[in-house]
Protein backbone atom coordinates (compact mmCIF):
# COMPACT_ATOMS: atom_id res chain seq x y z
CA UNK A 1 -6.62 -17.44 -8.48
CA UNK A 2 -6.50 -13.87 -9.42
CA UNK A 3 -3.68 -13.18 -11.92
CA UNK A 4 -1.57 -9.53 -11.44
CA UNK A 5 -2.10 -6.80 -13.64
CA UNK A 6 -1.10 -6.40 -16.66
CA UNK A 7 1.98 -3.59 -17.22
CA UNK A 8 1.01 -0.67 -18.54
CA UNK A 9 2.65 1.45 -21.32
CA UNK A 10 5.10 3.91 -19.72
CA UNK A 11 4.04 7.36 -19.75
CA UNK A 12 6.87 9.52 -21.52
CA UNK A 13 7.42 13.06 -20.77
CA UNK A 14 8.43 14.75 -23.88
CA UNK A 15 11.62 17.16 -23.25
CA UNK A 16 9.06 20.64 -24.12
CA UNK A 17 5.95 19.05 -21.92
CA UNK A 18 8.63 19.80 -18.71
CA UNK A 19 5.83 21.95 -17.24
CA UNK A 20 3.50 18.92 -17.06
CA UNK A 21 5.52 17.97 -14.51
CA UNK A 22 5.10 20.66 -11.92
CA UNK A 23 3.03 19.92 -8.55
CA UNK A 24 2.84 16.17 -9.65
CA UNK A 25 2.87 13.47 -6.73
CA UNK A 26 5.28 11.13 -6.67
CA UNK A 27 5.86 8.45 -3.81
CA UNK A 28 9.34 7.78 -2.81
CA UNK A 29 10.63 4.26 -1.16
CA UNK A 30 11.55 4.15 2.30
CA UNK A 31 14.81 4.01 3.86
CA UNK A 32 16.43 0.51 4.10
CA UNK A 33 17.24 -0.58 7.83
CA UNK A 34 18.20 -4.30 8.74
CA UNK A 35 19.23 -6.41 11.62
CA UNK A 36 22.27 -8.57 11.19
CA UNK A 37 19.91 -12.43 10.96
CA UNK A 38 21.12 -15.91 12.21
CA UNK A 39 23.02 -18.31 10.13
CA UNK A 40 20.15 -20.20 8.49
CA UNK A 41 20.36 -20.85 5.41
CA UNK A 42 18.08 -22.14 2.40
CA UNK A 43 17.71 -24.64 -0.51
CA UNK A 44 16.76 -21.23 -2.61
CA UNK A 45 20.12 -19.82 -1.63
CA UNK A 46 21.54 -18.56 -5.29
CA UNK A 47 21.77 -15.08 -7.04
CA UNK A 48 23.44 -12.15 -8.65
CA UNK A 49 27.24 -12.10 -8.16
CA UNK A 50 28.36 -10.55 -5.07
CA UNK A 51 29.99 -6.78 -5.04
CA UNK A 52 27.44 -4.16 -3.52
CA UNK A 53 29.53 -3.07 -1.24
CA UNK A 54 27.97 -4.46 1.85
CA UNK A 55 30.82 -6.18 3.90
CA UNK A 56 30.46 -9.67 5.68
CA UNK A 57 32.04 -9.82 9.10
CA UNK A 58 35.63 -9.90 9.21
CA UNK A 59 37.77 -12.74 8.25
CA UNK A 60 40.01 -12.77 10.98
CA UNK A 61 38.88 -13.59 14.60
CA UNK A 62 40.81 -10.84 16.58
CA UNK A 63 39.36 -8.54 14.36
CA UNK A 64 35.84 -10.05 14.50
CA UNK A 65 36.31 -9.84 17.96
CA UNK A 66 37.05 -6.74 18.36
CA UNK A 67 34.05 -5.40 16.38
CA UNK A 68 31.79 -7.57 18.48
CA UNK A 69 32.95 -6.17 21.77
CA UNK A 70 32.80 -2.38 20.00
CA UNK A 71 28.59 -3.66 18.68
CA UNK A 72 27.83 -5.12 22.30
CA UNK A 73 29.05 -1.63 24.13
CA UNK A 74 26.95 0.10 21.46
CA UNK A 75 24.10 -2.42 22.18
CA UNK A 76 23.84 -1.30 25.90
CA UNK A 77 22.88 2.37 24.71
CA UNK A 78 19.57 3.88 24.06
CA UNK A 79 18.08 2.49 20.39
CA UNK A 80 17.43 4.51 17.99
CA UNK A 81 13.58 4.68 18.01
CA UNK A 82 14.28 6.09 21.92
CA UNK A 83 14.81 9.67 21.92
CA UNK A 84 16.20 12.77 24.01
CA UNK A 85 15.14 15.25 21.23
CA UNK A 86 18.35 17.45 22.48
CA UNK A 87 21.96 18.59 20.65
CA UNK A 88 23.44 19.13 24.39
CA UNK A 89 25.39 16.17 23.92
CA UNK A 90 26.03 16.04 20.69
CA UNK A 91 27.83 19.81 20.81
CA UNK A 92 29.45 18.41 24.18
CA UNK A 93 30.94 15.36 22.32
CA UNK A 94 32.04 17.38 19.45
CA UNK A 95 33.37 20.12 21.17
CA UNK A 96 35.78 18.07 23.30
CA UNK A 97 37.21 16.15 19.86
CA UNK A 98 37.69 19.86 18.54
CA UNK A 99 34.91 20.55 16.57
CA UNK A 100 35.89 18.04 13.70
CA UNK A 101 32.35 18.30 11.61
CA UNK A 102 33.57 21.65 11.13
CA UNK A 103 36.75 20.82 8.63
CA UNK A 104 34.40 20.02 5.57
CA UNK A 105 31.70 20.75 3.82
CA UNK A 106 28.35 18.61 3.65
CA UNK A 107 25.32 18.15 1.73
CA UNK A 108 22.65 17.77 4.49
CA UNK A 109 19.65 14.73 4.06
CA UNK A 110 16.58 15.19 5.20
CA UNK A 111 12.18 13.53 4.51
CA UNK A 112 10.36 10.61 4.65
CA UNK A 113 11.12 8.52 1.60
CA UNK A 114 14.53 8.23 -0.15
CA UNK A 115 16.82 9.67 1.79
CA UNK A 116 19.73 7.13 1.58
CA UNK A 117 19.37 6.30 -2.20
CA UNK A 118 19.69 9.97 -2.84
CA UNK A 119 22.96 10.22 -0.39
CA UNK A 120 24.50 7.12 -2.41
CA UNK A 121 23.87 8.88 -5.82
CA UNK A 122 25.11 12.05 -4.84
CA UNK A 123 28.42 10.38 -3.22
CA UNK A 124 28.79 8.40 -6.15
CA UNK A 125 28.05 11.67 -8.27
CA UNK A 126 30.77 14.17 -6.22
CA UNK A 127 33.58 11.23 -6.29
CA UNK A 128 32.69 11.18 -10.07
CA UNK A 129 34.05 14.77 -10.08
CA UNK A 130 37.23 13.44 -7.94
CA UNK A 131 35.80 14.89 -4.38
CA UNK A 132 36.79 12.45 -1.62
CA UNK A 133 33.31 11.58 0.30
CA UNK A 134 32.31 10.57 3.42
CA UNK A 135 28.81 9.32 3.50
CA UNK A 136 26.95 8.67 6.78
CA UNK A 137 23.36 7.23 6.55
CA UNK A 138 21.36 5.28 9.15
CA UNK A 139 20.35 2.45 9.70
CA UNK A 140 22.51 -0.22 7.93
CA UNK A 141 21.82 -2.99 5.96
CA UNK A 142 23.81 -6.08 7.24
CA UNK A 143 27.24 -4.82 9.01
CA UNK A 144 27.09 -1.62 11.30
CA UNK A 145 30.36 0.04 9.67
CA UNK A 146 28.42 0.75 6.36
CA UNK A 147 26.96 3.74 8.61
CA UNK A 148 30.21 4.99 7.96
CA UNK A 149 31.37 5.60 4.21
CA UNK A 150 35.02 6.96 2.69
CA UNK A 151 35.23 7.34 -1.11
CA UNK A 152 32.13 5.05 -1.82
CA UNK A 153 33.14 2.23 0.16
CA UNK A 154 32.35 1.70 4.14
CA UNK A 155 35.06 1.65 6.34
CA UNK A 156 37.02 -0.86 6.96
CA UNK A 157 36.19 -3.25 10.44
CA UNK A 158 39.67 -2.42 11.46
CA UNK A 159 39.65 1.72 11.36
CA UNK A 160 35.68 1.28 12.51
CA UNK A 161 37.20 -0.12 15.86
CA UNK A 162 40.19 2.28 15.99
CA UNK A 163 37.89 5.36 15.43
CA UNK A 164 35.68 3.85 18.60
CA UNK A 165 39.00 3.60 20.39
CA UNK A 166 39.98 7.11 19.81
CA UNK A 167 37.09 8.70 20.94
CA UNK A 168 35.77 5.84 24.03
CA UNK A 169 37.36 8.51 26.75
CA UNK A 170 35.68 11.40 24.89
CA UNK A 171 32.25 9.75 24.70
CA UNK A 172 32.87 8.47 28.49
CA UNK A 173 33.23 11.98 29.92
CA UNK A 174 30.16 13.55 27.98
CA UNK A 175 28.50 10.35 29.46
CA UNK A 176 29.43 11.27 32.89
CA UNK A 177 28.70 15.24 32.63
CA UNK A 178 24.98 14.67 31.09
CA UNK A 179 21.41 13.68 32.25
CA UNK A 180 21.64 10.87 29.89
CA UNK A 181 24.18 9.14 28.61
CA UNK A 182 25.31 8.92 24.53
CA UNK A 183 22.58 7.38 22.85
CA UNK A 184 23.61 4.79 20.16
CA UNK A 185 22.83 7.28 17.20
CA UNK A 186 24.84 9.77 18.63
CA UNK A 187 28.00 7.65 19.34
CA UNK A 188 27.90 6.83 15.95
CA UNK A 189 27.48 10.58 14.47
CA UNK A 190 30.44 11.15 16.97
CA UNK A 191 32.53 8.45 15.40
CA UNK A 192 31.64 9.69 11.11
CA UNK A 193 32.63 12.70 12.38
CA UNK A 194 35.26 12.36 13.34
CA UNK A 195 36.81 9.83 10.52
CA UNK A 196 35.93 12.18 7.62
CA UNK A 197 38.09 14.67 9.51
CA UNK A 198 40.88 12.43 10.02
CA UNK A 199 40.48 10.74 6.14
CA UNK A 200 40.19 13.90 5.68
CA UNK A 201 37.24 14.64 2.94
CA UNK A 202 36.34 16.90 0.87
CA UNK A 203 32.93 16.99 1.17
CA UNK A 204 30.58 14.95 3.84
CA UNK A 205 26.97 13.74 2.69
CA UNK A 206 25.07 13.20 5.70
CA UNK A 207 21.49 11.84 5.95
CA UNK A 208 19.08 12.71 8.99
CA UNK A 209 18.02 10.01 11.12
CA UNK A 210 14.92 11.34 12.36
CA UNK A 211 13.25 14.45 11.92
CA UNK A 212 16.13 17.44 11.41
CA UNK A 213 16.29 20.18 14.05
CA UNK A 214 16.58 18.26 16.83
CA UNK A 215 18.82 14.96 15.31
CA UNK A 216 22.23 14.20 15.91
CA UNK A 217 23.34 14.72 12.76
CA UNK A 218 22.14 18.65 12.62
CA UNK A 219 25.50 19.52 14.18
CA UNK A 220 26.64 20.76 10.50
CA UNK A 221 25.99 23.92 9.03
CA UNK A 222 25.62 22.73 5.74
CA UNK A 223 25.38 25.15 2.24
CA UNK A 224 22.90 22.39 0.62
CA UNK A 225 20.12 21.09 2.45
CA UNK A 226 18.14 18.78 1.22
CA UNK A 227 13.94 17.74 1.74
CA UNK A 228 12.90 14.56 0.80
CA UNK A 229 9.06 13.92 0.01
CA UNK A 230 7.94 14.60 3.42
CA UNK A 231 4.27 12.00 4.51
CA UNK A 232 3.31 10.89 7.96
CA UNK A 233 5.43 8.49 9.80
CA UNK A 234 6.58 8.73 13.06
CA UNK A 235 4.14 10.84 14.10
CA UNK A 236 4.17 10.18 17.82
CA UNK A 237 7.50 12.35 17.67
CA UNK A 238 7.36 14.28 14.75
CA UNK A 239 3.94 15.23 14.68
CA UNK A 240 0.12 14.36 13.17
CA UNK A 241 0.29 16.49 9.77
CA UNK A 242 2.39 16.48 7.05
CA UNK A 243 2.92 20.42 7.96
CA UNK A 244 4.26 19.92 11.78
CA UNK A 245 6.18 17.23 9.98
CA UNK A 246 7.96 19.89 7.71
CA UNK A 247 8.47 21.89 10.71
CA UNK A 248 10.42 19.52 12.28
CA UNK A 249 12.06 18.32 9.32
CA UNK A 250 12.91 22.34 7.71
CA UNK A 251 15.30 23.03 10.89
CA UNK A 252 18.34 21.52 8.96
CA UNK A 253 17.57 24.74 6.30
CA UNK A 254 20.42 26.95 7.69
CA UNK A 255 21.17 30.62 7.13
CA UNK A 256 21.96 31.14 3.50
CA UNK A 257 21.84 27.60 2.29
CA UNK A 258 20.34 26.12 -0.28
CA UNK A 259 17.50 23.80 -0.17
CA UNK A 260 17.18 21.17 -2.92
CA UNK A 261 13.05 20.72 -2.46
CA UNK A 262 12.43 17.76 -3.86
CA UNK A 263 7.98 17.71 -4.68
CA UNK A 264 6.44 17.88 -1.56
CA UNK A 265 2.63 17.89 -0.38
CA UNK A 266 1.24 21.85 -0.74
CA UNK A 267 1.17 22.00 3.49
CA UNK A 268 4.70 20.88 3.88
CA UNK A 269 6.08 22.81 0.89
CA UNK A 270 4.46 25.66 2.38
CA UNK A 271 6.35 25.34 5.72
CA UNK A 272 9.98 24.75 4.45
CA UNK A 273 9.57 27.97 1.75
CA UNK A 274 8.21 29.84 4.97
CA UNK A 275 12.02 28.55 7.01
CA UNK A 276 13.84 29.28 4.10
CA UNK A 277 12.52 33.27 3.59
CA UNK A 278 13.74 33.33 7.95
CA UNK A 279 16.96 31.99 6.98
CA UNK A 280 17.46 33.71 3.53
CA UNK A 281 17.94 30.69 1.92
CA UNK A 282 17.61 30.04 -1.65
CA UNK A 283 15.43 27.42 -2.94
CA UNK A 284 15.13 25.00 -6.08
CA UNK A 285 11.80 23.18 -6.47
CA UNK A 286 11.32 19.91 -8.17
CA UNK A 287 8.82 20.44 -10.90
CA UNK A 288 9.99 24.37 -11.21
CA UNK A 289 13.86 24.74 -11.20
CA UNK A 290 14.60 20.48 -12.21
CA UNK A 291 13.15 18.11 -12.65
CA UNK A 292 12.44 14.50 -14.76
CA UNK A 293 12.02 14.90 -18.22
CA UNK A 294 11.49 11.64 -19.21
CA UNK A 295 12.01 8.12 -18.56
CA UNK A 296 12.00 4.69 -20.30
CA UNK A 297 12.08 1.26 -18.89
CA UNK A 298 15.78 -0.04 -20.22
CA UNK A 299 17.06 -4.09 -19.30
CA UNK A 300 18.58 -3.84 -15.76
CA UNK A 301 16.80 -0.13 -14.72
CA UNK A 302 15.58 2.76 -17.06
CA UNK A 303 16.66 5.55 -19.35
CA UNK A 304 16.17 9.35 -17.78
CA UNK A 305 16.16 12.79 -19.14
CA UNK A 306 16.66 15.13 -16.13
CA UNK A 307 16.48 18.49 -16.03
CA UNK A 308 18.91 19.98 -13.80
CA UNK A 309 19.69 23.54 -12.60
CA UNK A 310 22.21 24.40 -15.03
CA UNK A 311 20.30 22.71 -18.39
CA UNK A 312 19.08 19.23 -19.30
CA UNK A 313 20.99 16.13 -19.08
CA UNK A 314 19.88 13.70 -21.81
CA UNK A 315 19.73 9.27 -22.09
CA UNK A 316 21.27 9.14 -18.30
CA UNK A 317 20.96 5.19 -17.34
CA UNK A 318 20.23 4.19 -13.81
CA UNK A 319 20.46 0.87 -12.92
CA UNK A 320 17.15 1.04 -10.38
CA UNK A 321 13.59 0.75 -11.12
CA UNK A 322 10.97 3.04 -10.57
CA UNK A 323 9.61 6.27 -11.14
CA UNK A 324 10.93 6.98 -7.73
CA UNK A 325 14.27 6.59 -8.27
CA UNK A 326 13.79 8.46 -11.45
CA UNK A 327 12.95 11.50 -8.86
CA UNK A 328 15.64 10.69 -6.72
CA UNK A 329 18.02 11.26 -9.21
CA UNK A 330 17.14 14.56 -10.51
CA UNK A 331 17.17 15.78 -6.35
CA UNK A 332 20.84 14.23 -5.99
CA UNK A 333 21.90 15.56 -9.30
CA UNK A 334 20.88 19.28 -8.24
CA UNK A 335 22.15 18.75 -4.60
CA UNK A 336 25.06 18.35 -6.54
CA UNK A 337 24.52 20.95 -8.83
CA UNK A 338 23.42 23.65 -6.04
CA UNK A 339 26.90 22.57 -4.01
CA UNK A 340 28.84 23.64 -7.36
CA UNK A 341 27.01 26.66 -7.57
CA UNK A 342 25.74 25.95 -11.00
CA UNK A 343 22.10 28.17 -10.38
CA UNK A 344 23.57 30.46 -8.34
CA UNK A 345 27.04 31.22 -9.78
CA UNK A 346 26.45 29.73 -13.59
CA UNK A 347 24.29 28.21 -15.38
CA UNK A 348 26.36 26.32 -17.58
CA UNK A 349 25.39 22.17 -16.36
CA UNK A 350 27.88 19.66 -15.31
CA UNK A 351 29.84 17.36 -17.49
CA UNK A 352 27.34 15.14 -19.18
CA UNK A 353 29.64 12.39 -19.89
CA UNK A 354 30.58 12.41 -15.95
CA UNK A 355 27.18 12.14 -15.09
CA UNK A 356 26.22 9.62 -17.30
CA UNK A 357 29.05 7.78 -15.72
CA UNK A 358 28.37 8.12 -12.32
CA UNK A 359 24.69 7.49 -12.24
CA UNK A 360 24.92 4.20 -14.34
CA UNK A 361 27.19 3.12 -11.23
CA UNK A 362 24.82 4.01 -8.64
CA UNK A 363 23.32 0.97 -6.52
CA UNK A 364 20.96 0.87 -3.68
CA UNK A 365 20.23 -2.54 -1.82
CA UNK A 366 17.42 -3.13 -0.76
CA UNK A 367 15.21 -1.38 -3.56
CA UNK A 368 13.81 -3.36 -6.01
CA UNK A 369 16.52 -5.97 -5.87
CA UNK A 370 16.82 -8.95 -7.41
CA UNK A 371 18.86 -11.49 -4.84
CA UNK A 372 17.88 -14.69 -6.88
CA UNK A 373 16.70 -16.33 -10.09
CA UNK A 374 14.41 -19.46 -11.45
CA UNK A 375 12.15 -18.11 -9.62
CA UNK A 376 12.79 -14.41 -9.62
CA UNK A 377 13.26 -13.11 -5.90
CA UNK A 378 13.02 -9.06 -5.44
CA UNK A 379 13.65 -7.54 -2.13
CA UNK A 380 12.24 -3.63 -1.36
CA UNK A 381 11.98 -2.06 1.89
CA UNK A 382 8.36 -0.52 1.71
CA UNK A 383 6.74 0.09 5.22
CA UNK A 384 4.42 2.43 4.38
CA UNK A 385 1.34 3.10 2.09
CA UNK A 386 3.69 5.14 -0.20
CA UNK A 387 6.14 3.42 -0.25
CA UNK A 388 3.95 0.21 -0.97
CA UNK A 389 2.34 2.28 -3.66
CA UNK A 390 5.78 2.97 -4.86
CA UNK A 391 7.23 -0.36 -5.24
CA UNK A 392 3.90 -1.98 -6.76
CA UNK A 393 4.29 0.42 -9.77
CA UNK A 394 8.03 -0.62 -9.65
CA UNK A 395 7.77 -4.26 -9.43
CA UNK A 396 4.79 -4.10 -12.64
CA UNK A 397 6.57 -1.73 -14.77
CA UNK A 398 10.03 -3.35 -14.34
CA UNK A 399 9.22 -7.35 -14.20
CA UNK A 400 7.02 -9.65 -16.61
CA UNK A 401 5.61 -11.68 -13.81
CA UNK A 402 3.28 -13.98 -14.90
CA UNK A 403 1.81 -14.20 -11.40
CA UNK A 404 3.54 -12.28 -8.15
CA UNK A 405 3.99 -14.70 -4.69
CA UNK A 406 4.33 -11.88 -1.38
CA UNK A 407 6.08 -12.22 1.57
CA UNK A 408 5.33 -9.81 4.04
CA UNK A 409 6.27 -8.77 7.46
CA UNK A 410 5.74 -5.71 9.25
CA UNK A 411 6.12 -3.53 12.12
CA UNK A 412 3.93 -2.48 14.98
CA UNK A 413 2.50 0.68 15.08
CA UNK A 414 2.38 1.33 11.15
CA UNK A 415 -0.42 1.30 8.38
CA UNK A 416 -0.02 -2.02 8.06
CA UNK A 417 -3.83 -1.87 6.60
CA UNK A 418 -2.66 0.69 4.29
CA UNK A 419 0.58 -1.29 3.31
CA UNK A 420 -1.26 -4.45 1.97
CA UNK A 421 -4.20 -2.52 0.26
CA UNK A 422 -1.12 -0.52 -1.95
CA UNK A 423 -0.29 -4.57 -2.71
CA UNK A 424 -3.47 -6.34 -2.99
CA UNK A 425 -3.70 -5.89 -6.79
CA UNK A 426 -0.47 -6.95 -7.72
CA UNK A 427 -0.52 -10.39 -5.38
CA UNK A 428 -1.64 -13.46 -6.54
CA UNK A 429 -0.81 -14.92 -3.48
CA UNK A 430 0.54 -13.58 0.09
CA UNK A 431 2.93 -15.53 2.66
CA UNK A 432 2.61 -13.42 6.23
CA UNK A 433 5.73 -13.82 8.48
CA UNK A 434 7.72 -11.83 10.92
CA UNK A 435 11.26 -10.59 11.61
CA UNK A 436 13.18 -10.87 14.48
CA UNK A 437 13.08 -7.65 15.92
CA UNK A 438 10.98 -7.32 19.26
CA UNK A 439 8.90 -4.55 17.22
CA UNK A 440 7.77 -6.94 14.34
CA UNK A 441 3.77 -7.55 14.48
CA UNK A 442 2.32 -10.58 15.66
CA UNK A 443 2.23 -13.32 12.46
CA UNK A 444 -1.62 -14.03 13.46
CA UNK A 445 -2.62 -10.39 13.72
CA UNK A 446 -1.18 -9.78 10.22
CA UNK A 447 -2.49 -12.58 8.97
CA UNK A 448 -6.04 -11.32 10.16
CA UNK A 449 -5.41 -8.07 8.27
CA UNK A 450 -4.19 -9.67 5.30
CA UNK A 451 -7.96 -12.10 5.16
CA UNK A 452 -9.56 -8.55 5.10
CA UNK A 453 -8.01 -7.55 2.42
CA UNK A 454 -6.79 -10.11 0.22
CA UNK A 455 -9.63 -12.81 1.01
CA UNK A 456 -8.59 -16.12 3.19
CA UNK A 457 -7.69 -17.90 -0.43
CA UNK A 458 -5.19 -16.25 -1.30
CA UNK A 459 -3.04 -16.08 2.72
CA UNK A 460 -0.65 -18.60 3.68
CA UNK A 461 1.07 -17.72 7.39
CA UNK A 462 4.86 -19.08 8.12
CA UNK A 463 5.52 -17.53 11.62
CA UNK A 464 9.40 -18.37 11.05
CA UNK A 465 11.15 -15.85 7.87
CA UNK A 466 13.20 -18.59 5.87
CA UNK A 467 10.21 -21.05 6.24
CA UNK A 468 7.84 -17.96 5.05
CA UNK A 469 10.52 -17.60 1.73
CA UNK A 470 10.62 -21.62 0.98
CA UNK A 471 6.82 -21.43 0.84
CA UNK A 472 6.51 -18.48 -0.91
CA UNK A 473 9.31 -20.17 -3.53
CA UNK A 474 7.38 -23.00 -4.03
CA UNK A 475 3.99 -21.20 -4.90
CA UNK A 476 5.93 -19.35 -7.58
CA UNK A 477 7.55 -23.04 -9.05
CA UNK A 478 3.97 -24.36 -8.84
CA UNK A 479 3.80 -22.80 -12.68
CA UNK A 480 6.55 -24.19 -13.81
CA UNK A 481 11.10 -22.98 -14.31
CA UNK A 482 10.01 -21.09 -17.19
CA UNK A 483 6.18 -20.07 -16.61
CA UNK A 484 7.75 -16.31 -15.31
CA UNK A 485 6.12 -16.42 -11.40
CA UNK A 486 8.11 -13.77 -9.33
CA UNK A 487 8.13 -13.00 -5.37
CA UNK A 488 8.29 -9.46 -3.87
CA UNK A 489 9.50 -9.33 -0.43
CA UNK A 490 8.59 -6.59 1.81
CA UNK A 491 6.80 -4.63 4.11
CA UNK A 492 9.53 -4.42 6.77
CA UNK A 493 13.19 -2.78 6.19
CA UNK A 494 14.02 -5.40 9.00
CA UNK A 495 11.89 -8.23 7.42
CA UNK A 496 14.05 -7.23 3.58
CA UNK A 497 17.47 -7.32 5.83
CA UNK A 498 17.14 -11.13 7.15
CA UNK A 499 15.67 -12.06 3.65
CA UNK A 500 18.64 -10.96 1.75
CA UNK A 501 20.86 -12.05 4.63
CA UNK A 502 19.35 -15.73 4.24
CA UNK A 503 18.74 -15.41 0.63
CA UNK A 504 22.87 -15.34 0.34
CA UNK A 505 23.68 -11.96 -0.42
CA UNK A 506 26.33 -11.70 2.57
């Protein structure tokens, strides 16, 4: 059984080497999506204290019943993977609600990977400057209420229920007048915009669900459009090349806006820049106007120096692992600077102490998240080759595991072979499984691919996720309590979400 590669020395860019980052390729972790798991628990249940802002079910039985009724109604609508590319229904709903989405400015975020982590960072930064924030992200980790946050925390179950009940009659009116009913995602988007106006918020941070131009969120006119790294995903809906996907995603760029552009394939960047010219938008490019100057591994995360639109921000502690999170932080900082007019109205940086304090408090559940110790169990929601490469690099850099066991449950329609190949150098053994989604890849089918990549002696099959976690923990424990073996659960956002619940997080 082969050992995983030893950690390589961290390569750091000195401040005077900033130009070296121009054109550098970085892979980003994917967004986290989860469904609520069953009630099974494990003997392995343990881990760090709670406190990540992920709500449990309501303790009040009546509130829980009412929330389940709303969830059940939402479940009767088109799921998020079924789409009718159009803004007609959203525009009709918001018009009848009195255009709540026009009551506040917003920052709009699209891209293939890194949207949710970056949205959380932007929200935290804005809140540190005493702005009241609303954040809309998707999908959720353990409760649908997480999708709508106010002041950095998910809205309460009571408020979620009230918001739905307030707009339910208008939802019904739109349903009756349109060819198709409002989808699950469209209803939640309307709820978020209404909740933000009701709060009211000073600014909304809005993550695109899929694509850009026809995404339900794209009824807002954001002054700042953030485009995270673009790669091949959802190719059946968005296009088969980075350029085609970029054309769809750049639809969030509005007239005279500022575009904060993460590092991109050349083809994708060219499409976005062309869109910016068409609408007279200003572009801030990672690796040119802003970026990561240096980074080094630190206990519990990393220490980074960022170049922003207004200057340099040295020695920022980021409690997240991986180079991709440092780049997400650079994008988030530039987006907040752009919102405050840094780089256009003035060139001075934002207050350094405030920026440091904000970044130090950032969290991102399901991304290199430690949920158990002895042995250490890490969750990462990588579900495509790019995300897998970023996860493999991050776990190698951040954890000194003597042996790493992988638990992988993938989804149909993804580049599963590419994902497995990215993890092969770091997994001593792999336990393949499946999650409860109807889109989950069959465990035996996944095992067939895994054997081709890893060899039969390194592959174990456990169709049930709880059994797979038990098996992986047992394999890690074979080296003894102090040997330093670990477990990485990955392969699908749903797999990670269900494992998170089974391991006692929520």
